[in-house]
PDB file of N, CA and C in Angstrom:
ATOM      1  N   UNK A   1       1.120  -0.801   0.066  1.00  0.00           N
ATOM      2  CA  UNK A   1      -0.212   0.205   0.054  1.00  0.00           C
ATOM      3  C   UNK A   1       0.991   1.235  -0.339  1.00  0.00           C
ATOM      4  N   UNK A   2       0.552   2.340  -0.722  1.00  0.00           N
ATOM      5  CA  UNK A   2       1.679   3.030  -0.986  1.00  0.00           C
ATOM      6  C   UNK A   2       0.722   4.460  -0.533  1.00  0.00           C
ATOM      7  N   UNK A   3       1.147   5.394   0.215  1.00  0.00           N
ATOM      8  CA  UNK A   3       0.440   6.649   0.640  1.00  0.00           C
ATOM      9  C   UNK A   3       1.339   7.615   0.177  1.00  0.00           C
ATOM     10  N   UNK A   4       0.605   8.766  -0.154  1.00  0.00           N
ATOM     11  CA  UNK A   4       1.053  10.038  -0.793  1.00  0.00           C
ATOM     12  C   UNK A   4       1.711  10.753   0.269  1.00  0.00           C
ATOM     13  N   UNK A   5       2.487  11.497   0.312  1.00  0.00           N
ATOM     14  CA  UNK A   5       2.980  12.072   1.287  1.00  0.00           C
ATOM     15  C   UNK A   5       3.488  13.308   1.029  1.00  0.00           C
ATOM     16  N   UNK A   6       2.965  14.743   0.598  1.00  0.00           N
ATOM     17  CA  UNK A   6       3.687  15.501   0.093  1.00  0.00           C
ATOM     18  C   UNK A   6       5.165  15.949   0.494  1.00  0.00           C
ATOM     19  N   UNK A   7       5.955  16.503  -0.898  1.00  0.00           N
ATOM     20  CA  UNK A   7       7.342  16.186  -0.311  1.00  0.00           C
ATOM     21  C   UNK A   7       7.584  17.637   0.550  1.00  0.00           C
ATOM     22  N   UNK A   8       6.977  18.554   0.619  1.00  0.00           N
ATOM     23  CA  UNK A   8       7.482  19.688   1.363  1.00  0.00           C
ATOM     24  C   UNK A   8       6.052  20.595   1.977  1.00  0.00           C
ATOM     25  N   UNK A   9       6.268  21.378   2.819  1.00  0.00           N
ATOM     26  CA  UNK A   9       4.874  22.209   3.663  1.00  0.00           C
ATOM     27  C   UNK A   9       4.295  23.199   2.843  1.00  0.00           C
ATOM     28  N   UNK A  10       5.322  23.714   2.045  1.00  0.00           N
ATOM     29  CA  UNK A  10       4.876  24.868   1.296  1.00  0.00           C
ATOM     30  C   UNK A  10       4.468  24.258  -0.133  1.00  0.00           C
ATOM     31  N   UNK A  11       4.430  23.110  -0.365  1.00  0.00           N
ATOM     32  CA  UNK A  11       3.835  22.034  -1.698  1.00  0.00           C
ATOM     33  C   UNK A  11       2.242  21.656  -1.366  1.00  0.00           C
ATOM     34  N   UNK A  12       2.029  21.813   0.127  1.00  0.00           N
ATOM     35  CA  UNK A  12       0.679  21.188   0.680  1.00  0.00           C
ATOM     36  C   UNK A  12      -0.413  22.248   0.225  1.00  0.00           C
ATOM     37  N   UNK A  13       0.273  23.349   0.589  1.00  0.00           N
ATOM     38  CA  UNK A  13      -0.831  24.497   0.183  1.00  0.00           C
ATOM     39  C   UNK A  13      -1.330  24.696  -1.301  1.00  0.00           C
ATOM     40  N   UNK A  14      -0.392  24.270  -2.094  1.00  0.00           N
ATOM     41  CA  UNK A  14      -0.163  24.201  -3.570  1.00  0.00           C
ATOM     42  C   UNK A  14      -1.422  23.299  -3.806  1.00  0.00           C
ATOM     43  N   UNK A  15      -0.941  22.240  -3.035  1.00  0.00           N
ATOM     44  CA  UNK A  15      -1.960  21.117  -3.579  1.00  0.00           C
ATOM     45  C   UNK A  15      -3.441  20.886  -3.047  1.00  0.00           C
ATOM     46  N   UNK A  16      -3.786  21.446  -1.829  1.00  0.00           N
ATOM     47  CA  UNK A  16      -4.792  21.884  -1.077  1.00  0.00           C
ATOM     48  C   UNK A  16      -5.616  23.219  -1.947  1.00  0.00           C
ATOM     49  N   UNK A  17      -4.835  23.884  -2.693  1.00  0.00           N
ATOM     50  CA  UNK A  17      -5.703  25.218  -3.303  1.00  0.00           C
ATOM     51  C   UNK A  17      -6.824  24.557  -3.870  1.00  0.00           C
ATOM     52  N   UNK A  18      -6.970  23.843  -5.014  1.00  0.00           N
ATOM     53  CA  UNK A  18      -7.817  23.177  -5.846  1.00  0.00           C
ATOM     54  C   UNK A  18      -8.977  22.778  -4.914  1.00  0.00           C
ATOM     55  N   UNK A  19      -8.523  21.927  -3.844  1.00  0.00           N
ATOM     56  CA  UNK A  19      -9.730  21.777  -3.133  1.00  0.00           C
ATOM     57  C   UNK A  19     -10.816  22.761  -2.423  1.00  0.00           C
ATOM     58  N   UNK A  20      -9.748  23.743  -1.789  1.00  0.00           N
ATOM     59  CA  UNK A  20     -10.625  25.223  -0.919  1.00  0.00           C
ATOM     60  C   UNK A  20     -10.907  25.607  -1.858  1.00  0.00           C
ATOM     61  N   UNK A  21     -10.556  25.884  -3.524  1.00  0.00           N
ATOM     62  CA  UNK A  21     -11.491  26.866  -4.439  1.00  0.00           C
ATOM     63  C   UNK A  21     -12.437  25.780  -4.643  1.00  0.00           C
ATOM     64  N   UNK A  22     -12.878  24.306  -4.763  1.00  0.00           N
ATOM     65  CA  UNK A  22     -14.142  23.694  -4.909  1.00  0.00           C
ATOM     66  C   UNK A  22     -14.896  24.006  -3.774  1.00  0.00           C
ATOM     67  N   UNK A  23     -14.657  23.819  -2.627  1.00  0.00           N
ATOM     68  CA  UNK A  23     -15.226  23.765  -1.144  1.00  0.00           C
ATOM     69  C   UNK A  23     -15.896  25.573  -1.460  1.00  0.00           C
ATOM     70  N   UNK A  24     -15.238  26.432  -1.736  1.00  0.00           N
ATOM     71  CA  UNK A  24     -16.049  27.667  -1.792  1.00  0.00           C
ATOM     72  C   UNK A  24     -17.189  28.038  -2.734  1.00  0.00           C
ATOM     73  N   UNK A  25     -16.849  26.911  -4.022  1.00  0.00           N
ATOM     74  CA  UNK A  25     -17.759  27.235  -4.950  1.00  0.00           C
ATOM     75  C   UNK A  25     -18.867  26.357  -4.296  1.00  0.00           C
ATOM     76  N   UNK A  26     -18.863  25.362  -3.656  1.00  0.00           N
ATOM     77  CA  UNK A  26     -19.823  24.056  -3.074  1.00  0.00           C
ATOM     78  C   UNK A  26     -20.313  25.385  -1.880  1.00  0.00           C
ATOM     79  N   UNK A  27     -19.462  26.079  -1.333  1.00  0.00           N
ATOM     80  CA  UNK A  27     -20.258  27.107  -0.329  1.00  0.00           C
ATOM     81  C   UNK A  27     -21.455  28.098  -0.713  1.00  0.00           C
ATOM     82  N   UNK A  28     -20.683  28.873  -2.109  1.00  0.00           N
ATOM     83  CA  UNK A  28     -21.129  29.521  -2.802  1.00  0.00           C
ATOM     84  C   UNK A  28     -22.699  29.223  -3.369  1.00  0.00           C
ATOM     85  N   UNK A  29     -22.839  27.757  -4.114  1.00  0.00           N
ATOM     86  CA  UNK A  29     -24.037  27.336  -4.610  1.00  0.00           C
ATOM     87  C   UNK A  29     -24.730  27.144  -3.088  1.00  0.00           C
ATOM     88  N   UNK A  30     -24.312  26.551  -2.103  1.00  0.00           N
ATOM     89  CA  UNK A  30     -25.188  26.138  -1.053  1.00  0.00           C
ATOM     90  C   UNK A  30     -25.968  27.664  -0.511  1.00  0.00           C
ATOM     91  N   UNK A  31     -25.111  28.589  -0.598  1.00  0.00           N
ATOM     92  CA  UNK A  31     -25.745  30.008   0.003  1.00  0.00           C
ATOM     93  C   UNK A  31     -26.744  30.367  -0.883  1.00  0.00           C
ATOM     94  N   UNK A  32     -26.290  30.348  -2.740  1.00  0.00           N
ATOM     95  CA  UNK A  32     -27.472  30.604  -3.414  1.00  0.00           C
ATOM     96  C   UNK A  32     -28.798  29.964  -3.174  1.00  0.00           C
ATOM     97  N   UNK A  33     -28.510  28.622  -3.369  1.00  0.00           N
ATOM     98  CA  UNK A  33     -29.761  27.722  -2.866  1.00  0.00           C
ATOM     99  C   UNK A  33     -30.550  28.259  -1.806  1.00  0.00           C
ATOM    100  N   UNK A  34     -29.584  28.061  -0.722  1.00  0.00           N
ATOM    101  CA  UNK A  34     -30.463  28.600   0.688  1.00  0.00           C
ATOM    102  C   UNK A  34     -31.061  30.328   0.335  1.00  0.00           C
ATOM    103  N   UNK A  35     -30.717  30.815  -0.331  1.00  0.00           N
ATOM    104  CA  UNK A  35     -31.201  32.202  -0.891  1.00  0.00           C
ATOM    105  C   UNK A  35     -32.583  31.951  -1.372  1.00  0.00           C
ATOM    106  N   UNK A  36     -32.131  31.002  -2.645  1.00  0.00           N
ATOM    107  CA  UNK A  36     -33.376  30.858  -3.411  1.00  0.00           C
ATOM    108  C   UNK A  36     -34.571  30.150  -2.484  1.00  0.00           C
ATOM    109  N   UNK A  37     -34.031  29.021  -1.729  1.00  0.00           N
ATOM    110  CA  UNK A  37     -35.180  28.874  -0.762  1.00  0.00           C
ATOM    111  C   UNK A  37     -35.900  29.709   0.079  1.00  0.00           C
ATOM    112  N   UNK A  38     -35.146  30.132   0.646  1.00  0.00           N
ATOM    113  CA  UNK A  38     -35.730  32.001   1.298  1.00  0.00           C
ATOM    114  C   UNK A  38     -36.614  32.535   0.641  1.00  0.00           C
ATOM    115  N   UNK A  39     -36.201  32.729  -0.404  1.00  0.00           N
ATOM    116  CA  UNK A  39     -37.075  34.042  -1.302  1.00  0.00           C
ATOM    117  C   UNK A  39     -38.130  33.177  -1.970  1.00  0.00           C
ATOM    118  N   UNK A  40     -38.344  31.676  -2.139  1.00  0.00           N
ATOM    119  CA  UNK A  40     -39.278  31.108  -2.686  1.00  0.00           C
ATOM    120  C   UNK A  40     -40.541  30.516  -1.525  1.00  0.00           C
ATOM    121  N   UNK A  41     -39.806  30.298  -0.437  1.00  0.00           N
ATOM    122  CA  UNK A  41     -40.390  30.504   0.881  1.00  0.00           C
ATOM    123  C   UNK A  41     -41.397  31.679   0.889  1.00  0.00           C
ATOM    124  N   UNK A  42     -40.571  32.796   1.003  1.00  0.00           N
ATOM    125  CA  UNK A  42     -41.359  34.240   1.180  1.00  0.00           C
ATOM    126  C   UNK A  42     -42.327  34.296   0.498  1.00  0.00           C
ATOM    127  N   UNK A  43     -42.361  34.123  -1.193  1.00  0.00           N
ATOM    128  CA  UNK A  43     -42.766  33.740  -1.869  1.00  0.00           C
ATOM    129  C   UNK A  43     -44.510  33.186  -1.955  1.00  0.00           C
ATOM    130  N   UNK A  44     -44.003  31.747  -1.689  1.00  0.00           N
ATOM    131  CA  UNK A  44     -45.395  30.855  -1.389  1.00  0.00           C
ATOM    132  C   UNK A  44     -45.810  31.586   0.090  1.00  0.00           C
ATOM    133  N   UNK A  45     -45.352  32.101   1.295  1.00  0.00           N
ATOM    134  CA  UNK A  45     -46.016  32.444   2.412  1.00  0.00           C
ATOM    135  C   UNK A  45     -46.922  33.765   1.462  1.00  0.00           C
ATOM    136  N   UNK A  46     -46.200  34.726   1.045  1.00  0.00           N
ATOM    137  CA  UNK A  46     -47.173  35.909   0.634  1.00  0.00           C
ATOM    138  C   UNK A  46     -48.336  35.525  -0.266  1.00  0.00           C
ATOM    139  N   UNK A  47     -48.033  34.368  -1.028  1.00  0.00           N
ATOM    140  CA  UNK A  47     -49.254  34.039  -2.055  1.00  0.00           C
ATOM    141  C   UNK A  47     -50.188  33.320  -1.344  1.00  0.00           C
ATOM    142  N   UNK A  48     -49.778  32.253  -0.257  1.00  0.00           N
ATOM    143  CA  UNK A  48     -50.987  31.827   0.739  1.00  0.00           C
ATOM    144  C   UNK A  48     -51.716  32.855   1.398  1.00  0.00           C
ATOM    145  N   UNK A  49     -50.975  33.473   2.210  1.00  0.00           N
ATOM    146  CA  UNK A  49     -51.817  34.779   2.641  1.00  0.00           C
ATOM    147  C   UNK A  49     -52.613  35.498   1.860  1.00  0.00           C
ATOM    148  N   UNK A  50     -52.375  35.939   0.734  1.00  0.00           N
ATOM    149  CA  UNK A  50     -53.222  36.374  -0.360  1.00  0.00           C
ATOM    150  C   UNK A  50     -54.434  35.654  -0.435  1.00  0.00           C
ATOM    151  N   UNK A  51     -54.031  34.327  -0.742  1.00  0.00           N
ATOM    152  CA  UNK A  51     -55.093  33.238  -0.972  1.00  0.00           C
ATOM    153  C   UNK A  51     -56.242  32.867   0.223  1.00  0.00           C
ATOM    154  N   UNK A  52     -55.311  33.112   1.201  1.00  0.00           N
ATOM    155  CA  UNK A  52     -56.686  32.999   2.626  1.00  0.00           C
ATOM    156  C   UNK A  52     -57.173  34.133   2.785  1.00  0.00           C
ATOM    157  N   UNK A  53     -56.698  35.288   2.472  1.00  0.00           N
ATOM    158  CA  UNK A  53     -57.487  36.565   2.275  1.00  0.00           C
ATOM    159  C   UNK A  53     -58.770  36.615   1.374  1.00  0.00           C
ATOM    160  N   UNK A  54     -58.356  36.104   0.351  1.00  0.00           N
ATOM    161  CA  UNK A  54     -59.388  35.720  -0.961  1.00  0.00           C
ATOM    162  C   UNK A  54     -60.327  34.795  -0.345  1.00  0.00           C
ATOM    163  N   UNK A  55     -60.218  33.826   0.326  1.00  0.00           N
ATOM    164  CA  UNK A  55     -61.132  32.713   0.533  1.00  0.00           C
ATOM    165  C   UNK A  55     -61.910  33.274   1.639  1.00  0.00           C
ATOM    166  N   UNK A  56     -61.277  34.106   2.522  1.00  0.00           N
ATOM    167  CA  UNK A  56     -62.225  34.748   3.841  1.00  0.00           C
ATOM    168  C   UNK A  56     -63.269  35.595   3.495  1.00  0.00           C
ATOM    169  N   UNK A  57     -62.622  36.550   2.551  1.00  0.00           N
ATOM    170  CA  UNK A  57     -63.663  37.470   1.386  1.00  0.00           C
ATOM    171  C   UNK A  57     -64.975  37.175   1.094  1.00  0.00           C
ATOM    172  N   UNK A  58     -64.354  35.794   0.337  1.00  0.00           N
ATOM    173  CA  UNK A  58     -65.583  35.140  -0.384  1.00  0.00           C
ATOM    174  C   UNK A  58     -66.273  34.392   0.718  1.00  0.00           C
ATOM    175  N   UNK A  59     -65.783  33.575   1.652  1.00  0.00           N
ATOM    176  CA  UNK A  59     -66.952  33.263   2.668  1.00  0.00           C
ATOM    177  C   UNK A  59     -67.698  34.234   3.417  1.00  0.00           C
ATOM    178  N   UNK A  60     -67.134  35.367   3.609  1.00  0.00           N
ATOM    179  CA  UNK A  60     -67.654  36.613   4.215  1.00  0.00           C
ATOM    180  C   UNK A  60     -68.943  37.024   3.345  1.00  0.00           C
ATOM    181  N   UNK A  61     -68.713  37.028   2.218  1.00  0.00           N
ATOM    182  CA  UNK A  61     -69.671  37.793   1.100  1.00  0.00           C
ATOM    183  C   UNK A  61     -70.752  36.083   1.141  1.00  0.00           C
ATOM    184  N   UNK A  62     -70.612  35.073   0.984  1.00  0.00           N
ATOM    185  CA  UNK A  62     -71.324  33.967   0.823  1.00  0.00           C
ATOM    186  C   UNK A  62     -72.063  33.914   2.270  1.00  0.00           C
ATOM    187  N   UNK A  63     -71.425  34.361   3.196  1.00  0.00           N
ATOM    188  CA  UNK A  63     -72.207  34.376   4.887  1.00  0.00           C
ATOM    189  C   UNK A  63     -73.223  35.523   4.608  1.00  0.00           C
ATOM    190  N   UNK A  64     -73.194  36.522   4.263  1.00  0.00           N
ATOM    191  CA  UNK A  64     -73.882  37.853   4.080  1.00  0.00           C
ATOM    192  C   UNK A  64     -75.098  37.321   3.222  1.00  0.00           C
ATOM    193  N   UNK A  65     -74.906  36.796   1.968  1.00  0.00           N
ATOM    194  CA  UNK A  65     -75.805  36.389   1.416  1.00  0.00           C
ATOM    195  C   UNK A  65     -76.723  35.632   1.689  1.00  0.00           C
ATOM    196  N   UNK A  66     -76.313  34.190   2.572  1.00  0.00           N
ATOM    197  CA  UNK A  66     -76.734  33.330   3.287  1.00  0.00           C
ATOM    198  C   UNK A  66     -78.001  34.132   4.501  1.00  0.00           C
ATOM    199  N   UNK A  67     -76.949  35.027   5.137  1.00  0.00           N
ATOM    200  CA  UNK A  67     -77.729  35.464   6.275  1.00  0.00           C
ATOM    201  C   UNK A  67     -79.220  36.659   5.541  1.00  0.00           C
ATOM    202  N   UNK A  68     -78.951  37.584   4.491  1.00  0.00           N
ATOM    203  CA  UNK A  68     -80.033  38.105   3.937  1.00  0.00           C
ATOM    204  C   UNK A  68     -81.023  37.177   3.149  1.00  0.00           C
ATOM    205  N   UNK A  69     -81.035  36.123   3.001  1.00  0.00           N
ATOM    206  CA  UNK A  69     -81.681  34.900   2.630  1.00  0.00           C
ATOM    207  C   UNK A  69     -82.235  34.619   4.057  1.00  0.00           C
ATOM    208  N   UNK A  70     -81.953  34.374   4.797  1.00  0.00           N
ATOM    209  CA  UNK A  70     -82.361  34.032   5.859  1.00  0.00           C
ATOM    210  C   UNK A  70     -83.317  34.730   6.603  1.00  0.00           C
ATOM    211  N   UNK A  71     -82.933  36.015   6.596  1.00  0.00           N
ATOM    212  CA  UNK A  71     -83.471  37.165   7.060  1.00  0.00           C
ATOM    213  C   UNK A  71     -85.118  37.485   6.300  1.00  0.00           C
ATOM    214  N   UNK A  72     -84.776  37.535   4.883  1.00  0.00           N
ATOM    215  CA  UNK A  72     -86.118  37.395   3.948  1.00  0.00           C
ATOM    216  C   UNK A  72     -86.905  36.583   4.009  1.00  0.00           C
ATOM    217  N   UNK A  73     -86.309  35.006   4.593  1.00  0.00           N
ATOM    218  CA  UNK A  73     -87.194  34.302   4.426  1.00  0.00           C
ATOM    219  C   UNK A  73     -88.384  34.319   5.838  1.00  0.00           C
ATOM    220  N   UNK A  74     -87.310  34.506   7.027  1.00  0.00           N
ATOM    221  CA  UNK A  74     -88.097  35.041   8.317  1.00  0.00           C
ATOM    222  C   UNK A  74     -89.331  35.857   8.002  1.00  0.00           C
ATOM    223  N   UNK A  75     -88.560  37.148   7.632  1.00  0.00           N
ATOM    224  CA  UNK A  75     -89.575  38.440   7.433  1.00  0.00           C
ATOM    225  C   UNK A  75     -90.488  37.600   6.796  1.00  0.00           C
ATOM    226  N   UNK A  76     -90.556  36.940   5.464  1.00  0.00           N
ATOM    227  CA  UNK A  76     -91.833  36.770   4.791  1.00  0.00           C
ATOM    228  C   UNK A  76     -92.965  35.590   5.510  1.00  0.00           C
ATOM    229  N   UNK A  77     -91.829  34.589   6.232  1.00  0.00           N
ATOM    230  CA  UNK A  77     -92.656  33.791   7.378  1.00  0.00           C
ATOM    231  C   UNK A  77     -93.426  34.513   8.251  1.00  0.00           C
ATOM    232  N   UNK A  78     -92.852  35.771   8.876  1.00  0.00           N
ATOM    233  CA  UNK A  78     -93.749  36.766   9.854  1.00  0.00           C
ATOM    234  C   UNK A  78     -95.051  37.453   9.017  1.00  0.00           C
ATOM    235  N   UNK A  79     -94.468  37.887   7.772  1.00  0.00           N
ATOM    236  CA  UNK A  79     -95.661  38.439   7.339  1.00  0.00           C
ATOM    237  C   UNK A  79     -96.793  37.567   6.928  1.00  0.00           C
ATOM    238  N   UNK A  80     -96.484  36.240   6.551  1.00  0.00           N
ATOM    239  CA  UNK A  80     -97.500  35.350   6.292  1.00  0.00           C
ATOM    240  C   UNK A  80     -98.621  34.979   7.686  1.00  0.00           C
ATOM    241  N   UNK A  81     -97.556  34.873   8.713  1.00  0.00           N
ATOM    242  CA  UNK A  81     -98.113  34.620  10.048  1.00  0.00           C
ATOM    243  C   UNK A  81     -99.119  35.695  10.472  1.00  0.00           C
ATOM    244  N   UNK A  82     -98.451  36.842  10.238  1.00  0.00           N
ATOM    245  CA  UNK A  82     -99.593  38.239  10.429  1.00  0.00           C
ATOM    246  C   UNK A  82    -100.687  38.085   9.939  1.00  0.00           C
ATOM    247  N   UNK A  83    -100.541  37.952   8.373  1.00  0.00           N
ATOM    248  CA  UNK A  83    -101.697  37.809   7.454  1.00  0.00           C
ATOM    249  C   UNK A  83    -102.515  36.690   8.205  1.00  0.00           C
ATOM    250  N   UNK A  84    -101.960  35.557   8.777  1.00  0.00           N
ATOM    251  CA  UNK A  84    -103.236  34.746   8.879  1.00  0.00           C
ATOM    252  C   UNK A  84    -103.935  34.923  10.224  1.00  0.00           C
ATOM    253  N   UNK A  85    -103.264  35.514  11.126  1.00  0.00           N
ATOM    254  CA  UNK A  85    -103.716  36.220  12.532  1.00  0.00           C
ATOM    255  C   UNK A  85    -104.928  36.917  11.953  1.00  0.00           C
ATOM    256  N   UNK A  86    -104.645  38.179  11.283  1.00  0.00           N
ATOM    257  CA  UNK A  86    -105.391  39.350  10.799  1.00  0.00           C
ATOM    258  C   UNK A  86    -106.662  38.478   9.985  1.00  0.00           C
ATOM    259  N   UNK A  87    -106.722  37.669   9.433  1.00  0.00           N
ATOM    260  CA  UNK A  87    -107.500  36.799   8.574  1.00  0.00           C
ATOM    261  C   UNK A  87    -108.239  36.188   9.724  1.00  0.00           C
ATOM    262  N   UNK A  88    -107.903  35.616  10.536  1.00  0.00           N
ATOM    263  CA  UNK A  88    -108.462  34.635  11.884  1.00  0.00           C
ATOM    264  C   UNK A  88    -109.225  35.890  12.487  1.00  0.00           C
ATOM    265  N   UNK A  89    -108.507  37.000  12.800  1.00  0.00           N
ATOM    266  CA  UNK A  89    -109.629  38.053  13.568  1.00  0.00           C
ATOM    267  C   UNK A  89    -110.755  38.498  12.845  1.00  0.00           C
ATOM    268  N   UNK A  90    -110.396  38.771  11.384  1.00  0.00           N
ATOM    269  CA  UNK A  90    -111.431  39.497  10.473  1.00  0.00           C
ATOM    270  C   UNK A  90    -112.989  37.954  10.691  1.00  0.00           C
ATOM    271  N   UNK A  91    -112.474  37.191  10.404  1.00  0.00           N
ATOM    272  CA  UNK A  91    -113.372  35.963  11.030  1.00  0.00           C
ATOM    273  C   UNK A  91    -114.159  36.224  12.055  1.00  0.00           C
ATOM    274  N   UNK A  92    -113.135  36.108  13.375  1.00  0.00           N
ATOM    275  CA  UNK A  92    -113.726  36.254  14.376  1.00  0.00           C
ATOM    276  C   UNK A  92    -114.625  37.577  14.603  1.00  0.00           C
ATOM    277  N   UNK A  93    -114.389  38.614  14.152  1.00  0.00           N
ATOM    278  CA  UNK A  93    -115.156  39.813  14.139  1.00  0.00           C
ATOM    279  C   UNK A  93    -116.438  39.827  13.385  1.00  0.00           C
ATOM    280  N   UNK A  94    -116.257  39.076  12.015  1.00  0.00           N
ATOM    281  CA  UNK A  94    -117.374  38.474  11.629  1.00  0.00           C
ATOM    282  C   UNK A  94    -118.551  37.537  11.933  1.00  0.00           C
ATOM    283  N   UNK A  95    -117.969  36.707  12.767  1.00  0.00           N
ATOM    284  CA  UNK A  95    -119.077  35.883  13.548  1.00  0.00           C
ATOM    285  C   UNK A  95    -119.362  36.663  14.794  1.00  0.00           C
ATOM    286  N   UNK A  96    -118.821  37.291  15.508  1.00  0.00           N
ATOM    287  CA  UNK A  96    -118.829  38.242  16.560  1.00  0.00           C
ATOM    288  C   UNK A  96    -120.090  39.035  16.187  1.00  0.00           C
ATOM    289  N   UNK A  97    -120.167  39.728  14.796  1.00  0.00           N
ATOM    290  CA  UNK A  97    -120.884  41.023  14.421  1.00  0.00           C
ATOM    291  C   UNK A  97    -122.333  40.114  14.062  1.00  0.00           C
ATOM    292  N   UNK A  98    -122.146  38.947  13.507  1.00  0.00           N
ATOM    293  CA  UNK A  98    -123.504  38.170  13.158  1.00  0.00           C
ATOM    294  C   UNK A  98    -124.223  37.691  14.231  1.00  0.00           C
ATOM    295  N   UNK A  99    -123.357  37.074  15.238  1.00  0.00           N
ATOM    296  CA  UNK A  99    -123.878  36.871  16.330  1.00  0.00           C
ATOM    297  C   UNK A  99    -124.515  37.880  17.148  1.00  0.00           C
ATOM    298  N   UNK A 100    -124.126  38.790  17.345  1.00  0.00           N
ATOM    299  CA  UNK A 100    -124.554  40.429  17.947  1.00  0.00           C
ATOM    300  C   UNK A 100    -125.720  40.760  16.974  1.00  0.00           C
ATOM    301  N   UNK A 101    -125.778  40.491  15.907  1.00  0.00           N
ATOM    302  CA  UNK A 101    -126.863  40.701  14.677  1.00  0.00           C
ATOM    303  C   UNK A 101    -128.119  40.233  14.983  1.00  0.00           C
ATOM    304  N   UNK A 102    -127.613  38.937  15.333  1.00  0.00           N
ATOM    305  CA  UNK A 102    -129.058  37.790  15.481  1.00  0.00           C
ATOM    306  C   UNK A 102    -129.390  38.166  16.789  1.00  0.00           C
ATOM    307  N   UNK A 103    -128.638  38.409  18.135  1.00  0.00           N
ATOM    308  CA  UNK A 103    -129.107  38.516  19.201  1.00  0.00           C
ATOM    309  C   UNK A 103    -129.403  39.804  19.157  1.00  0.00           C
ATOM    310  N   UNK A 104    -129.385  40.665  18.676  1.00  0.00           N
ATOM    311  CA  UNK A 104    -130.419  42.303  18.405  1.00  0.00           C
ATOM    312  C   UNK A 104    -131.515  41.973  17.304  1.00  0.00           C
ATOM    313  N   UNK A 105    -131.590  40.963  16.628  1.00  0.00           N
ATOM    314  CA  UNK A 105    -132.957  40.761  16.397  1.00  0.00           C
ATOM    315  C   UNK A 105    -133.547  40.110  17.124  1.00  0.00           C
ATOM    316  N   UNK A 106    -133.027  39.190  18.096  1.00  0.00           N
ATOM    317  CA  UNK A 106    -134.228  38.142  18.458  1.00  0.00           C
ATOM    318  C   UNK A 106    -134.558  39.388  20.169  1.00  0.00           C
ATOM    319  N   UNK A 107    -133.548  40.162  20.375  1.00  0.00           N
ATOM    320  CA  UNK A 107    -134.109  41.137  21.442  1.00  0.00           C
ATOM    321  C   UNK A 107    -135.180  42.232  20.662  1.00  0.00           C
ATOM    322  N   UNK A 108    -134.972  42.565  19.701  1.00  0.00           N
ATOM    323  CA  UNK A 108    -136.163  43.316  19.155  1.00  0.00           C
ATOM    324  C   UNK A 108    -137.767  42.585  18.797  1.00  0.00           C
ATOM    325  N   UNK A 109    -137.368  41.234  17.975  1.00  0.00           N
ATOM    326  CA  UNK A 109    -138.382  40.578  18.367  1.00  0.00           C
ATOM    327  C   UNK A 109    -139.131  40.510  19.755  1.00  0.00           C
ATOM    328  N   UNK A 110    -138.564  40.044  20.578  1.00  0.00           N
ATOM    329  CA  UNK A 110    -138.537  39.957  21.824  1.00  0.00           C
ATOM    330  C   UNK A 110    -139.808  40.820  22.334  1.00  0.00           C
ATOM    331  N   UNK A 111    -138.871  42.118  22.235  1.00  0.00           N
ATOM    332  CA  UNK A 111    -139.617  43.460  22.777  1.00  0.00           C
ATOM    333  C   UNK A 111    -141.077  43.808  21.856  1.00  0.00           C
ATOM    334  N   UNK A 112    -140.840  43.370  20.553  1.00  0.00           N
ATOM    335  CA  UNK A 112    -142.194  43.361  19.722  1.00  0.00           C
ATOM    336  C   UNK A 112    -143.403  42.914  20.275  1.00  0.00           C
ATOM    337  N   UNK A 113    -142.710  41.578  20.760  1.00  0.00           N
ATOM    338  CA  UNK A 113    -143.793  40.467  20.951  1.00  0.00           C
ATOM    339  C   UNK A 113    -144.420  41.148  22.628  1.00  0.00           C
ATOM    340  N   UNK A 114    -143.581  41.322  23.291  1.00  0.00           N
ATOM    341  CA  UNK A 114    -143.889  41.793  24.793  1.00  0.00           C
ATOM    342  C   UNK A 114    -145.200  43.318  23.954  1.00  0.00           C
ATOM    343  N   UNK A 115    -144.775  44.167  23.234  1.00  0.00           N
ATOM    344  CA  UNK A 115    -145.482  45.418  23.108  1.00  0.00           C
ATOM    345  C   UNK A 115    -146.769  44.985  22.674  1.00  0.00           C
ATOM    346  N   UNK A 116    -146.833  43.832  21.441  1.00  0.00           N
ATOM    347  CA  UNK A 116    -147.871  43.387  20.773  1.00  0.00           C
ATOM    348  C   UNK A 116    -148.479  42.674  21.890  1.00  0.00           C
ATOM    349  N   UNK A 117    -148.397  41.694  22.810  1.00  0.00           N
ATOM    350  CA  UNK A 117    -149.009  41.253  23.863  1.00  0.00           C
ATOM    351  C   UNK A 117    -149.650  42.375  25.155  1.00  0.00           C
ATOM    352  N   UNK A 118    -148.731  42.813  25.225  1.00  0.00           N
ATOM    353  CA  UNK A 118    -149.277  44.237  26.127  1.00  0.00           C
ATOM    354  C   UNK A 118    -150.242  45.235  25.770  1.00  0.00           C
ATOM    355  N   UNK A 119    -150.483  45.335  24.309  1.00  0.00           N
ATOM    356  CA  UNK A 119    -151.278  46.179  24.154  1.00  0.00           C
ATOM    357  C   UNK A 119    -152.530  45.261  23.453  1.00  0.00           C
ATOM    358  N   UNK A 120    -152.621  44.183  23.190  1.00  0.00           N
ATOM    359  CA  UNK A 120    -153.804  43.368  23.022  1.00  0.00           C
ATOM    360  C   UNK A 120    -154.608  42.771  23.849  1.00  0.00           C
TER     361      UNK A 120
END
């Protein structure tokens, strides 16, 4: 087995210089990759925030539409209920009026009967 040993100390620096150059290149590439990754992460994060904001805005619009529809349906149901109550009240008033008219007619008939019998 043969092991390479540099001939002199000054030659070690010369022999290792290309390796150090390669390491510097690798470090530069790694730094560039890290910077590109950070930049991409920043872009992704920014885009994600924008998309989340759009989703929230769309959800708020949809929720407002649903709320409007529910308010309209409740109002319509309340109006139908009010109309039904008024119709029932009108029917009750008509029945009471008819009963009162019948009662008044009976009282008039009885009074006339008493008058006729009393004068007769």
